[in-house]
Amino acid sequence: VEPAKEASAMPADADEAPRTQSVQEHVQGAMAVMQDNMRAMAERDSQLNQLEARTNDLQGASKAFSSGAKRLQRHYQWQRYKLFIVIGGSLLWAVALVLMPRQYFWQFMIITAVLVGVAALINALMNRRDQLQAEAEAEAPAAELGESLTRDGLE
């Protein structure tokens, strides 16, 4: 009876070997696909990080452009206001000079000189304020860009 058991055990072992090898090939194939997927996922993550860094850079540039455009708009609007003030002041000054009695001529000229000096001082202070704001805005995007590059690990 024992030789019959040994004979039946042999074909079962011989049948299992190709199955085991087939299962191992499937496992290795699945592992290879999984490794390829992991590499592709790592590449996509890297590309997404690069895209995010570029997006942050563009957003900083967009903010800088917007603030520069607003500053330029305010500058030219102030230039227009100054032109209207100068024209109106000149007309008013000419009318006052013609209609004013001669005894007040020198007082009128002194007051005019003081007002022109005050206007020039105000103009210089406003130009300085605009210059300081422009410098501060120029430094801010550079700082934001450095922070985004450091945060993303690109520096």
Protein backbone atom coordinates (compact mmCIF):
# COMPACT_ATOMS: atom_id res chain seq x y z
CA VAL A 1 0.00 0.00 0.00
CA GLU A 2 2.88 2.30 0.69
CA PRO A 3 4.26 2.25 -2.85
CA ALA A 4 0.90 3.40 -4.17
CA LYS A 5 0.92 6.42 -1.87
CA GLU A 6 4.40 7.34 -3.00
CA ALA A 7 3.38 7.03 -6.64
CA SER A 8 0.38 9.32 -6.16
CA ALA A 9 2.47 11.89 -4.27
CA MET A 10 4.97 12.25 -7.11
CA PRO A 11 2.58 13.61 -9.72
CA ALA A 12 1.15 16.11 -7.23
CA ASP A 13 4.65 17.55 -6.50
CA ALA A 14 5.45 17.65 -10.18
CA ASP A 15 2.15 19.48 -10.90
CA GLU A 16 2.75 22.02 -8.11
CA ALA A 17 6.17 23.14 -9.34
CA PRO A 18 4.88 24.83 -12.53
CA ARG A 19 2.06 26.38 -10.52
CA THR A 20 4.46 27.80 -7.96
CA GLN A 21 6.66 29.14 -10.72
CA SER A 22 3.61 30.67 -12.44
CA VAL A 23 2.50 32.32 -9.19
CA GLN A 24 6.04 33.64 -8.63
CA GLU A 25 6.09 35.08 -12.17
CA HIS A 26 2.75 36.79 -11.54
CA VAL A 27 4.02 38.18 -8.23
CA GLN A 28 7.21 39.42 -9.89
CA GLY A 29 5.18 40.97 -12.71
CA ALA A 30 2.90 42.68 -10.20
CA MET A 31 5.95 43.91 -8.26
CA ALA A 32 7.48 45.33 -11.45
CA VAL A 33 4.24 47.12 -12.34
CA MET A 34 3.99 48.44 -8.79
CA GLN A 35 7.59 49.70 -8.91
CA ASP A 36 6.91 51.40 -12.26
CA ASN A 37 3.80 53.02 -10.78
CA MET A 38 5.79 54.20 -7.76
CA ARG A 39 8.46 55.75 -10.04
CA ALA A 40 5.78 57.45 -12.15
CA MET A 41 4.09 58.74 -9.00
CA ALA A 42 7.40 60.15 -7.72
CA GLU A 43 8.00 61.86 -11.09
CA ARG A 44 4.50 63.34 -11.06
CA ASP A 45 5.03 64.58 -7.50
CA SER A 46 8.26 66.26 -8.58
CA GLN A 47 6.55 67.84 -11.59
CA LEU A 48 3.67 69.05 -9.39
CA ASN A 49 6.14 70.64 -6.97
CA GLN A 50 7.90 72.39 -9.85
CA LEU A 51 4.56 73.57 -11.21
CA GLU A 52 3.56 74.88 -7.79
CA ALA A 53 6.86 76.77 -7.49
CA ARG A 54 6.36 78.33 -10.93
CA THR A 55 2.78 79.23 -10.01
CA ASN A 56 3.99 80.94 -6.83
CA ASP A 57 6.62 82.84 -8.84
CA LEU A 58 4.01 83.97 -11.36
CA GLN A 59 1.65 85.00 -8.58
CA GLY A 60 4.40 87.13 -7.02
CA ALA A 61 5.19 88.69 -10.38
CA SER A 62 1.49 89.35 -10.95
CA LYS A 63 1.16 91.08 -7.58
CA ALA A 64 4.24 93.18 -8.31
CA PHE A 65 2.88 94.15 -11.71
CA SER A 66 -0.51 95.03 -10.26
CA SER A 67 0.94 97.21 -7.51
CA GLY A 68 3.29 98.86 -10.02
CA ALA A 69 0.37 99.58 -12.35
CA LYS A 70 -1.66 101.08 -9.50
CA ARG A 71 1.31 103.19 -8.41
CA LEU A 72 1.79 104.42 -11.97
CA GLN A 73 -1.91 105.21 -12.27
CA ARG A 74 -1.78 107.24 -9.03
CA HIS A 75 1.34 109.03 -10.26
CA TYR A 76 -0.25 110.15 -13.52
CA GLN A 77 -3.50 111.06 -11.78
CA TRP A 78 -1.53 113.26 -9.39
CA GLN A 79 0.28 114.76 -12.40
CA ARG A 80 -3.10 115.70 -13.90
CA TYR A 81 -4.25 117.20 -10.60
CA LYS A 82 -1.05 119.22 -10.38
CA LEU A 83 -1.57 120.54 -13.89
CA PHE A 84 -5.13 121.64 -13.06
CA ILE A 85 -3.92 123.24 -9.82
CA VAL A 86 -1.14 125.11 -11.61
CA ILE A 87 -3.46 126.35 -14.38
CA GLY A 88 -6.18 127.37 -11.91
CA GLY A 89 -3.67 128.97 -9.55
CA SER A 90 -2.03 130.88 -12.40
CA LEU A 91 -5.37 132.21 -13.64
CA LEU A 92 -6.40 133.18 -10.11
CA TRP A 93 -3.02 134.80 -9.49
CA ALA A 94 -3.24 136.81 -12.76
CA VAL A 95 -6.78 138.00 -11.97
CA ALA A 96 -5.78 138.93 -8.42
CA LEU A 97 -2.69 140.78 -9.66
CA VAL A 98 -4.74 142.85 -12.10
CA LEU A 99 -7.58 143.64 -9.68
CA MET A 100 -5.44 144.21 -6.56
CA PRO A 101 -4.50 147.73 -5.50
CA ARG A 102 -0.82 148.59 -5.96
CA GLN A 103 -0.28 149.16 -2.24
CA TYR A 104 -0.62 145.39 -1.56
CA PHE A 105 1.67 144.29 -4.39
CA TRP A 106 4.66 143.24 -2.24
CA GLN A 107 2.54 141.45 0.35
CA PHE A 108 0.83 139.59 -2.49
CA MET A 109 4.21 138.58 -3.95
CA ILE A 110 5.51 137.37 -0.56
CA ILE A 111 2.38 135.34 0.09
CA THR A 112 2.65 133.92 -3.43
CA ALA A 113 6.29 132.93 -2.86
CA VAL A 114 5.39 131.23 0.46
CA LEU A 115 2.51 129.31 -1.14
CA VAL A 116 4.70 128.20 -4.06
CA GLY A 117 7.37 127.05 -1.58
CA VAL A 118 4.81 125.08 0.47
CA ALA A 119 3.46 123.49 -2.73
CA ALA A 120 7.00 122.52 -3.80
CA LEU A 121 7.68 120.99 -0.36
CA ILE A 122 4.45 118.99 -0.45
CA ASN A 123 5.29 117.79 -3.96
CA ALA A 124 8.80 116.70 -2.87
CA LEU A 125 7.42 114.84 0.17
CA MET A 126 4.82 113.03 -1.92
CA ASN A 127 7.44 112.04 -4.49
CA ARG A 128 9.67 110.71 -1.70
CA ARG A 129 6.75 108.73 -0.24
CA ASP A 130 6.04 107.20 -3.66
CA GLN A 131 9.72 106.33 -4.07
CA LEU A 132 9.85 104.60 -0.67
CA GLN A 133 6.67 102.66 -1.45
CA ALA A 134 8.12 101.55 -4.79
CA GLU A 135 11.30 100.33 -3.08
CA ALA A 136 9.30 98.46 -0.42
CA GLU A 137 7.12 96.81 -3.08
CA ALA A 138 10.20 95.86 -5.11
CA GLU A 139 11.74 94.12 -2.07
CA ALA A 140 8.54 92.29 -1.03
CA PRO A 141 8.19 90.02 -4.13
CA ALA A 142 11.89 89.11 -3.92
CA ALA A 143 11.42 88.04 -0.29
CA GLU A 144 8.29 86.04 -1.18
CA LEU A 145 10.12 84.36 -4.05
CA GLY A 146 12.99 83.37 -1.76
CA GLU A 147 10.57 81.95 0.78
CA SER A 148 8.75 79.89 -1.85
CA LEU A 149 12.00 78.51 -3.26
CA THR A 150 13.26 77.61 0.21
CA ARG A 151 9.90 76.07 1.19
CA ASP A 152 9.82 73.98 -1.99
CA GLY A 153 13.43 72.89 -1.54
CA LEU A 154 14.60 74.32 -4.85
CA GLU A 155 17.40 76.49 -3.43
